Each structure stands twice: as C-alpha cells, then as structure tokens.
Amino acid sequence: METYANNNGNSSVGRYQIGGTYIVVEFKADKYSGPMYYRYTYELVGQNVIEEMKRLARHGSGLSSYINTKPPVPWTTKGTSLESV
C-alpha cells in the first residue's frame, strides 16, 4: 500500500492501494477501533468514480471528502485488514 500524502493535514485516509479496476482505501485507526479497509470497484460505482479516486489518492488531497460526498461512495467490501478486502 502507498502512504496517502495528506497534503491538507486533516484526512482520515492513511494509505491506499490501486489496482486496474479498483482502489482500496485504509482509514486511520481512532481511539475506538483499528484501521479499516474499504475496496471500491468499477463494477459497483463505475470507472469514472474509481479513476477520480485514484487521481485524488495520487494527488494526496481530497480523497476522504470525495468519498463522503452526498450520497457517499458505496464500497464493495470492508474489513479490518488488507487481506480481508
């Protein structure tokens, strides 16, 4: 996984992994739980959304805000480790 640059300094995104038709986003641990991993795919949200998420991840800014837009971007799988998604 690549470390998210977090250029604005206030993102809940910690790391990400980019694949051909998907992106996995790791949200940082907080005082209540460990990190959570979410897989987003072309199949569920479409190529344009995933490609924009990849661009934002590489840019290091705006990914968390984009995911949390109204309505939020739905995820395909969610887990407590990279292997579980």
PDB file of N, CA and C in Angstrom:
ATOM      1  N   MET A   1       0.838  -1.178   0.000  1.00  0.00           N
ATOM      2  CA  MET A   1       0.000   0.000   0.000  1.00  0.00           C
ATOM      3  C   MET A   1       0.886   1.245   0.000  1.00  0.00           C
ATOM      4  N   GLU A   2       0.375   2.291  -0.604  1.00  0.00           N
ATOM      5  CA  GLU A   2       1.061   3.579  -0.647  1.00  0.00           C
ATOM      6  C   GLU A   2       0.546   4.459   0.481  1.00  0.00           C
ATOM      7  N   THR A   3       1.416   5.226   1.080  1.00  0.00           N
ATOM      8  CA  THR A   3       1.008   6.174   2.104  1.00  0.00           C
ATOM      9  C   THR A   3       0.350   7.370   1.445  1.00  0.00           C
ATOM     10  N   TYR A   4      -0.808   7.752   1.950  1.00  0.00           N
ATOM     11  CA  TYR A   4      -1.526   8.916   1.443  1.00  0.00           C
ATOM     12  C   TYR A   4      -0.806  10.177   1.907  1.00  0.00           C
ATOM     13  N   ALA A   5      -0.513  11.101   1.004  1.00  0.00           N
ATOM     14  CA  ALA A   5       0.279  12.287   1.332  1.00  0.00           C
ATOM     15  C   ALA A   5      -0.413  13.216   2.327  1.00  0.00           C
ATOM     16  N   ASN A   6      -1.729  13.263   2.323  1.00  0.00           N
ATOM     17  CA  ASN A   6      -2.494  14.092   3.265  1.00  0.00           C
ATOM     18  C   ASN A   6      -1.982  15.534   3.254  1.00  0.00           C
ATOM     19  N   ASN A   7      -1.994  16.139   2.082  1.00  0.00           N
ATOM     20  CA  ASN A   7      -1.454  17.486   1.904  1.00  0.00           C
ATOM     21  C   ASN A   7      -2.153  18.541   2.745  1.00  0.00           C
ATOM     22  N   ASN A   8      -3.428  18.323   3.076  1.00  0.00           N
ATOM     23  CA  ASN A   8      -4.157  19.292   3.898  1.00  0.00           C
ATOM     24  C   ASN A   8      -3.978  19.038   5.388  1.00  0.00           C
ATOM     25  N   GLY A   9      -3.446  17.865   5.743  1.00  0.00           N
ATOM     26  CA  GLY A   9      -3.143  17.560   7.130  1.00  0.00           C
ATOM     27  C   GLY A   9      -4.305  17.136   8.004  1.00  0.00           C
ATOM     28  N   ASN A  10      -5.471  16.925   7.429  1.00  0.00           N
ATOM     29  CA  ASN A  10      -6.628  16.580   8.261  1.00  0.00           C
ATOM     30  C   ASN A  10      -7.436  15.397   7.734  1.00  0.00           C
ATOM     31  N   SER A  11      -6.826  14.542   6.943  1.00  0.00           N
ATOM     32  CA  SER A  11      -7.554  13.430   6.340  1.00  0.00           C
ATOM     33  C   SER A  11      -7.594  12.202   7.236  1.00  0.00           C
ATOM     34  N   SER A  12      -8.676  11.471   7.143  1.00  0.00           N
ATOM     35  CA  SER A  12      -8.782  10.193   7.847  1.00  0.00           C
ATOM     36  C   SER A  12      -8.190   9.052   7.016  1.00  0.00           C
ATOM     37  N   VAL A  13      -7.790   9.328   5.777  1.00  0.00           N
ATOM     38  CA  VAL A  13      -7.157   8.330   4.914  1.00  0.00           C
ATOM     39  C   VAL A  13      -5.693   8.179   5.324  1.00  0.00           C
ATOM     40  N   GLY A  14      -5.273   6.927   5.522  1.00  0.00           N
ATOM     41  CA  GLY A  14      -3.885   6.653   5.872  1.00  0.00           C
ATOM     42  C   GLY A  14      -3.067   6.151   4.702  1.00  0.00           C
ATOM     43  N   ARG A  15      -3.610   5.151   4.005  1.00  0.00           N
ATOM     44  CA  ARG A  15      -2.906   4.546   2.874  1.00  0.00           C
ATOM     45  C   ARG A  15      -3.926   4.130   1.817  1.00  0.00           C
ATOM     46  N   TYR A  16      -3.427   3.735   0.656  1.00  0.00           N
ATOM     47  CA  TYR A  16      -4.286   3.268  -0.432  1.00  0.00           C
ATOM     48  C   TYR A  16      -3.531   2.280  -1.290  1.00  0.00           C
ATOM     49  N   GLN A  17      -4.300   1.457  -2.006  1.00  0.00           N
ATOM     50  CA  GLN A  17      -3.725   0.514  -2.974  1.00  0.00           C
ATOM     51  C   GLN A  17      -4.551   0.612  -4.241  1.00  0.00           C
ATOM     52  N   ILE A  18      -3.877   0.824  -5.343  1.00  0.00           N
ATOM     53  CA  ILE A  18      -4.550   0.973  -6.631  1.00  0.00           C
ATOM     54  C   ILE A  18      -4.365  -0.280  -7.458  1.00  0.00           C
ATOM     55  N   GLY A  19      -5.477  -0.773  -8.020  1.00  0.00           N
ATOM     56  CA  GLY A  19      -5.462  -1.892  -8.950  1.00  0.00           C
ATOM     57  C   GLY A  19      -6.072  -1.449 -10.260  1.00  0.00           C
ATOM     58  N   GLY A  20      -6.115  -2.329 -11.221  1.00  0.00           N
ATOM     59  CA  GLY A  20      -6.644  -1.985 -12.531  1.00  0.00           C
ATOM     60  C   GLY A  20      -8.066  -1.456 -12.505  1.00  0.00           C
ATOM     61  N   THR A  21      -8.944  -2.125 -11.753  1.00  0.00           N
ATOM     62  CA  THR A  21     -10.360  -1.753 -11.735  1.00  0.00           C
ATOM     63  C   THR A  21     -10.862  -1.441 -10.332  1.00  0.00           C
ATOM     64  N   TYR A  22      -9.954  -1.137  -9.423  1.00  0.00           N
ATOM     65  CA  TYR A  22     -10.370  -0.883  -8.036  1.00  0.00           C
ATOM     66  C   TYR A  22      -9.376   0.011  -7.312  1.00  0.00           C
ATOM     67  N   ILE A  23      -9.789   0.455  -6.139  1.00  0.00           N
ATOM     68  CA  ILE A  23      -8.906   1.113  -5.186  1.00  0.00           C
ATOM     69  C   ILE A  23      -9.311   0.646  -3.796  1.00  0.00           C
ATOM     70  N   VAL A  24      -8.324   0.346  -2.970  1.00  0.00           N
ATOM     71  CA  VAL A  24      -8.554   0.024  -1.560  1.00  0.00           C
ATOM     72  C   VAL A  24      -8.051   1.217  -0.766  1.00  0.00           C
ATOM     73  N   VAL A  25      -8.886   1.688   0.154  1.00  0.00           N
ATOM     74  CA  VAL A  25      -8.533   2.838   0.985  1.00  0.00           C
ATOM     75  C   VAL A  25      -8.498   2.395   2.443  1.00  0.00           C
ATOM     76  N   GLU A  26      -7.392   2.724   3.113  1.00  0.00           N
ATOM     77  CA  GLU A  26      -7.271   2.461   4.540  1.00  0.00           C
ATOM     78  C   GLU A  26      -7.595   3.754   5.281  1.00  0.00           C
ATOM     79  N   PHE A  27      -8.604   3.668   6.159  1.00  0.00           N
ATOM     80  CA  PHE A  27      -8.910   4.790   7.034  1.00  0.00           C
ATOM     81  C   PHE A  27      -8.187   4.563   8.349  1.00  0.00           C
ATOM     82  N   LYS A  28      -7.567   5.603   8.866  1.00  0.00           N
ATOM     83  CA  LYS A  28      -6.727   5.520  10.050  1.00  0.00           C
ATOM     84  C   LYS A  28      -7.496   5.020  11.274  1.00  0.00           C
ATOM     85  N   ALA A  29      -6.746   4.413  12.179  1.00  0.00           N
ATOM     86  CA  ALA A  29      -7.293   3.989  13.464  1.00  0.00           C
ATOM     87  C   ALA A  29      -7.682   5.222  14.270  1.00  0.00           C
ATOM     88  N   ASP A  30      -8.675   5.052  15.124  1.00  0.00           N
ATOM     89  CA  ASP A  30      -9.022   6.104  16.073  1.00  0.00           C
ATOM     90  C   ASP A  30      -9.034   5.507  17.469  1.00  0.00           C
ATOM     91  N   LYS A  31      -9.472   6.249  18.437  1.00  0.00           N
ATOM     92  CA  LYS A  31      -9.433   5.750  19.816  1.00  0.00           C
ATOM     93  C   LYS A  31     -10.421   4.615  20.069  1.00  0.00           C
ATOM     94  N   TYR A  32     -11.328   4.366  19.130  1.00  0.00           N
ATOM     95  CA  TYR A  32     -12.339   3.328  19.304  1.00  0.00           C
ATOM     96  C   TYR A  32     -12.048   2.048  18.533  1.00  0.00           C
ATOM     97  N   SER A  33     -11.285   2.144  17.451  1.00  0.00           N
ATOM     98  CA  SER A  33     -11.031   0.960  16.629  1.00  0.00           C
ATOM     99  C   SER A  33      -9.732   1.113  15.846  1.00  0.00           C
ATOM    100  N   GLY A  34      -9.276  -0.005  15.324  1.00  0.00           N
ATOM    101  CA  GLY A  34      -8.092  -0.004  14.477  1.00  0.00           C
ATOM    102  C   GLY A  34      -8.429   0.501  13.086  1.00  0.00           C
ATOM    103  N   PRO A  35      -7.453   0.486  12.189  1.00  0.00           N
ATOM    104  CA  PRO A  35      -7.715   0.947  10.821  1.00  0.00           C
ATOM    105  C   PRO A  35      -8.760   0.073  10.138  1.00  0.00           C
ATOM    106  N   MET A  36      -9.495   0.679   9.221  1.00  0.00           N
ATOM    107  CA  MET A  36     -10.498  -0.039   8.431  1.00  0.00           C
ATOM    108  C   MET A  36     -10.142   0.102   6.954  1.00  0.00           C
ATOM    109  N   TYR A  37     -10.393  -0.950   6.199  1.00  0.00           N
ATOM    110  CA  TYR A  37     -10.057  -1.006   4.782  1.00  0.00           C
ATOM    111  C   TYR A  37     -11.338  -1.146   3.966  1.00  0.00           C
ATOM    112  N   TYR A  38     -11.429  -0.359   2.918  1.00  0.00           N
ATOM    113  CA  TYR A  38     -12.598  -0.382   2.044  1.00  0.00           C
ATOM    114  C   TYR A  38     -12.139  -0.555   0.603  1.00  0.00           C
ATOM    115  N   ARG A  39     -12.785  -1.480  -0.112  1.00  0.00           N
ATOM    116  CA  ARG A  39     -12.494  -1.697  -1.533  1.00  0.00           C
ATOM    117  C   ARG A  39     -13.638  -1.083  -2.346  1.00  0.00           C
ATOM    118  N   TYR A  40     -13.265  -0.263  -3.307  1.00  0.00           N
ATOM    119  CA  TYR A  40     -14.213   0.364  -4.226  1.00  0.00           C
ATOM    120  C   TYR A  40     -13.882  -0.141  -5.623  1.00  0.00           C
ATOM    121  N   THR A  41     -14.894  -0.532  -6.409  1.00  0.00           N
ATOM    122  CA  THR A  41     -14.648  -1.159  -7.708  1.00  0.00           C
ATOM    123  C   THR A  41     -15.424  -0.492  -8.842  1.00  0.00           C
ATOM    124  N   TYR A  42     -14.898  -0.675 -10.061  1.00  0.00           N
ATOM    125  CA  TYR A  42     -15.609  -0.239 -11.261  1.00  0.00           C
ATOM    126  C   TYR A  42     -17.024  -0.798 -11.254  1.00  0.00           C
ATOM    127  N   GLU A  43     -17.132  -2.084 -10.929  1.00  0.00           N
ATOM    128  CA  GLU A  43     -18.416  -2.781 -11.006  1.00  0.00           C
ATOM    129  C   GLU A  43     -19.500  -2.101 -10.172  1.00  0.00           C
ATOM    130  N   LEU A  44     -19.133  -1.632  -8.998  1.00  0.00           N
ATOM    131  CA  LEU A  44     -20.128  -1.050  -8.106  1.00  0.00           C
ATOM    132  C   LEU A  44     -20.377   0.428  -8.366  1.00  0.00           C
ATOM    133  N   VAL A  45     -19.332   1.208  -8.552  1.00  0.00           N
ATOM    134  CA  VAL A  45     -19.525   2.659  -8.653  1.00  0.00           C
ATOM    135  C   VAL A  45     -19.176   3.249 -10.012  1.00  0.00           C
ATOM    136  N   GLY A  46     -18.587   2.457 -10.887  1.00  0.00           N
ATOM    137  CA  GLY A  46     -18.275   2.934 -12.227  1.00  0.00           C
ATOM    138  C   GLY A  46     -16.833   3.382 -12.387  1.00  0.00           C
ATOM    139  N   GLN A  47     -16.369   3.289 -13.609  1.00  0.00           N
ATOM    140  CA  GLN A  47     -14.984   3.604 -13.937  1.00  0.00           C
ATOM    141  C   GLN A  47     -14.640   5.052 -13.621  1.00  0.00           C
ATOM    142  N   ASN A  48     -15.505   6.002 -13.962  1.00  0.00           N
ATOM    143  CA  ASN A  48     -15.190   7.416 -13.755  1.00  0.00           C
ATOM    144  C   ASN A  48     -14.958   7.743 -12.288  1.00  0.00           C
ATOM    145  N   VAL A  49     -15.775   7.179 -11.406  1.00  0.00           N
ATOM    146  CA  VAL A  49     -15.620   7.430  -9.972  1.00  0.00           C
ATOM    147  C   VAL A  49     -14.300   6.856  -9.472  1.00  0.00           C
ATOM    148  N   ILE A  50     -14.001   5.618  -9.859  1.00  0.00           N
ATOM    149  CA  ILE A  50     -12.760   4.981  -9.403  1.00  0.00           C
ATOM    150  C   ILE A  50     -11.538   5.727  -9.932  1.00  0.00           C
ATOM    151  N   GLU A  51     -11.570   6.128 -11.175  1.00  0.00           N
ATOM    152  CA  GLU A  51     -10.430   6.850 -11.734  1.00  0.00           C
ATOM    153  C   GLU A  51     -10.233   8.194 -11.040  1.00  0.00           C
ATOM    154  N   GLU A  52     -11.316   8.860 -10.648  1.00  0.00           N
ATOM    155  CA  GLU A  52     -11.190  10.105  -9.897  1.00  0.00           C
ATOM    156  C   GLU A  52     -10.612   9.832  -8.505  1.00  0.00           C
ATOM    157  N   MET A  53     -11.040   8.754  -7.877  1.00  0.00           N
ATOM    158  CA  MET A  53     -10.491   8.393  -6.572  1.00  0.00           C
ATOM    159  C   MET A  53      -8.995   8.087  -6.682  1.00  0.00           C
ATOM    160  N   LYS A  54      -8.586   7.403  -7.736  1.00  0.00           N
ATOM    161  CA  LYS A  54      -7.162   7.123  -7.951  1.00  0.00           C
ATOM    162  C   LYS A  54      -6.379   8.418  -8.119  1.00  0.00           C
ATOM    163  N   ARG A  55      -6.939   9.348  -8.893  1.00  0.00           N
ATOM    164  CA  ARG A  55      -6.270  10.632  -9.116  1.00  0.00           C
ATOM    165  C   ARG A  55      -6.101  11.386  -7.796  1.00  0.00           C
ATOM    166  N   LEU A  56      -7.166  11.437  -6.992  1.00  0.00           N
ATOM    167  CA  LEU A  56      -7.102  12.134  -5.714  1.00  0.00           C
ATOM    168  C   LEU A  56      -6.118  11.459  -4.761  1.00  0.00           C
ATOM    169  N   ALA A  57      -6.087  10.135  -4.773  1.00  0.00           N
ATOM    170  CA  ALA A  57      -5.139   9.406  -3.917  1.00  0.00           C
ATOM    171  C   ALA A  57      -3.703   9.760  -4.287  1.00  0.00           C
ATOM    172  N   ARG A  58      -3.403   9.756  -5.564  1.00  0.00           N
ATOM    173  CA  ARG A  58      -2.045  10.085  -6.012  1.00  0.00           C
ATOM    174  C   ARG A  58      -1.695  11.542  -5.714  1.00  0.00           C
ATOM    175  N   HIS A  59      -2.696  12.404  -5.791  1.00  0.00           N
ATOM    176  CA  HIS A  59      -2.503  13.833  -5.524  1.00  0.00           C
ATOM    177  C   HIS A  59      -2.306  14.108  -4.030  1.00  0.00           C
ATOM    178  N   GLY A  60      -2.870  13.252  -3.181  1.00  0.00           N
ATOM    179  CA  GLY A  60      -2.704  13.402  -1.738  1.00  0.00           C
ATOM    180  C   GLY A  60      -3.635  14.400  -1.096  1.00  0.00           C
ATOM    181  N   SER A  61      -4.741  14.692  -1.776  1.00  0.00           N
ATOM    182  CA  SER A  61      -5.681  15.676  -1.243  1.00  0.00           C
ATOM    183  C   SER A  61      -7.077  15.438  -1.811  1.00  0.00           C
ATOM    184  N   GLY A  62      -8.087  15.502  -0.944  1.00  0.00           N
ATOM    185  CA  GLY A  62      -9.469  15.457  -1.404  1.00  0.00           C
ATOM    186  C   GLY A  62     -10.133  14.096  -1.443  1.00  0.00           C
ATOM    187  N   LEU A  63      -9.399  13.021  -1.184  1.00  0.00           N
ATOM    188  CA  LEU A  63      -9.973  11.684  -1.314  1.00  0.00           C
ATOM    189  C   LEU A  63     -11.063  11.427  -0.284  1.00  0.00           C
ATOM    190  N   SER A  64     -10.806  11.706   0.967  1.00  0.00           N
ATOM    191  CA  SER A  64     -11.812  11.469   2.001  1.00  0.00           C
ATOM    192  C   SER A  64     -13.064  12.298   1.752  1.00  0.00           C
ATOM    193  N   SER A  65     -12.888  13.549   1.381  1.00  0.00           N
ATOM    194  CA  SER A  65     -14.041  14.415   1.086  1.00  0.00           C
ATOM    195  C   SER A  65     -14.845  13.865  -0.081  1.00  0.00           C
ATOM    196  N   TYR A  66     -14.161  13.389  -1.109  1.00  0.00           N
ATOM    197  CA  TYR A  66     -14.841  12.823  -2.281  1.00  0.00           C
ATOM    198  C   TYR A  66     -15.648  11.591  -1.885  1.00  0.00           C
ATOM    199  N   ILE A  67     -15.069  10.719  -1.088  1.00  0.00           N
ATOM    200  CA  ILE A  67     -15.760   9.506  -0.654  1.00  0.00           C
ATOM    201  C   ILE A  67     -16.998   9.848   0.159  1.00  0.00           C
ATOM    202  N   ASN A  68     -16.912  10.896   0.960  1.00  0.00           N
ATOM    203  CA  ASN A  68     -18.007  11.259   1.856  1.00  0.00           C
ATOM    204  C   ASN A  68     -18.992  12.265   1.277  1.00  0.00           C
ATOM    205  N   THR A  69     -18.979  12.452  -0.038  1.00  0.00           N
ATOM    206  CA  THR A  69     -19.944  13.345  -0.666  1.00  0.00           C
ATOM    207  C   THR A  69     -21.343  12.796  -0.480  1.00  0.00           C
ATOM    208  N   LYS A  70     -22.346  13.603  -0.748  1.00  0.00           N
ATOM    209  CA  LYS A  70     -23.737  13.163  -0.633  1.00  0.00           C
ATOM    210  C   LYS A  70     -24.246  12.763  -2.011  1.00  0.00           C
ATOM    211  N   PRO A  71     -24.643  11.519  -2.253  1.00  0.00           N
ATOM    212  CA  PRO A  71     -24.538  10.392  -1.331  1.00  0.00           C
ATOM    213  C   PRO A  71     -23.099   9.894  -1.273  1.00  0.00           C
ATOM    214  N   PRO A  72     -22.730   9.231  -0.170  1.00  0.00           N
ATOM    215  CA  PRO A  72     -21.368   8.692  -0.063  1.00  0.00           C
ATOM    216  C   PRO A  72     -21.092   7.647  -1.140  1.00  0.00           C
ATOM    217  N   VAL A  73     -19.835   7.516  -1.515  1.00  0.00           N
ATOM    218  CA  VAL A  73     -19.437   6.488  -2.474  1.00  0.00           C
ATOM    219  C   VAL A  73     -19.576   5.124  -1.788  1.00  0.00           C
ATOM    220  N   PRO A  74     -20.377   4.218  -2.361  1.00  0.00           N
ATOM    221  CA  PRO A  74     -20.535   2.899  -1.724  1.00  0.00           C
ATOM    222  C   PRO A  74     -19.285   2.047  -1.914  1.00  0.00           C
ATOM    223  N   TRP A  75     -18.986   1.216  -0.946  1.00  0.00           N
ATOM    224  CA  TRP A  75     -17.843   0.327  -1.018  1.00  0.00           C
ATOM    225  C   TRP A  75     -18.316  -1.088  -1.320  1.00  0.00           C
ATOM    226  N   THR A  76     -17.432  -1.866  -1.908  1.00  0.00           N
ATOM    227  CA  THR A  76     -17.748  -3.249  -2.253  1.00  0.00           C
ATOM    228  C   THR A  76     -17.547  -4.156  -1.051  1.00  0.00           C
ATOM    229  N   THR A  77     -16.374  -4.054  -0.420  1.00  0.00           N
ATOM    230  CA  THR A  77     -16.084  -4.841   0.763  1.00  0.00           C
ATOM    231  C   THR A  77     -15.405  -3.961   1.795  1.00  0.00           C
ATOM    232  N   LYS A  78     -15.524  -4.368   3.044  1.00  0.00           N
ATOM    233  CA  LYS A  78     -14.958  -3.627   4.167  1.00  0.00           C
ATOM    234  C   LYS A  78     -14.340  -4.636   5.119  1.00  0.00           C
ATOM    235  N   GLY A  79     -13.199  -4.311   5.699  1.00  0.00           N
ATOM    236  CA  GLY A  79     -12.575  -5.228   6.643  1.00  0.00           C
ATOM    237  C   GLY A  79     -11.542  -4.562   7.518  1.00  0.00           C
ATOM    238  N   THR A  80     -11.024  -5.339   8.435  1.00  0.00           N
ATOM    239  CA  THR A  80     -10.036  -4.822   9.385  1.00  0.00           C
ATOM    240  C   THR A  80      -8.597  -5.075   8.952  1.00  0.00           C
ATOM    241  N   SER A  81      -8.414  -5.691   7.779  1.00  0.00           N
ATOM    242  CA  SER A  81      -7.076  -5.886   7.229  1.00  0.00           C
ATOM    243  C   SER A  81      -7.146  -5.836   5.713  1.00  0.00           C
ATOM    244  N   LEU A  82      -6.020  -5.573   5.088  1.00  0.00           N
ATOM    245  CA  LEU A  82      -5.974  -5.528   3.627  1.00  0.00           C
ATOM    246  C   LEU A  82      -6.392  -6.866   3.034  1.00  0.00           C
ATOM    247  N   GLU A  83      -5.982  -7.940   3.674  1.00  0.00           N
ATOM    248  CA  GLU A  83      -6.298  -9.279   3.173  1.00  0.00           C
ATOM    249  C   GLU A  83      -7.792  -9.577   3.213  1.00  0.00           C
ATOM    250  N   SER A  84      -8.538  -8.908   4.066  1.00  0.00           N
ATOM    251  CA  SER A  84      -9.964  -9.202   4.211  1.00  0.00           C
ATOM    252  C   SER A  84     -10.831  -8.484   3.184  1.00  0.00           C
ATOM    253  N   VAL A  85     -10.219  -7.595   2.389  1.00  0.00           N
ATOM    254  CA  VAL A  85     -10.998  -6.901   1.381  1.00  0.00           C
ATOM    255  C   VAL A  85     -10.540  -7.287   0.001  1.00  0.00           C
TER     256      VAL A  85
END
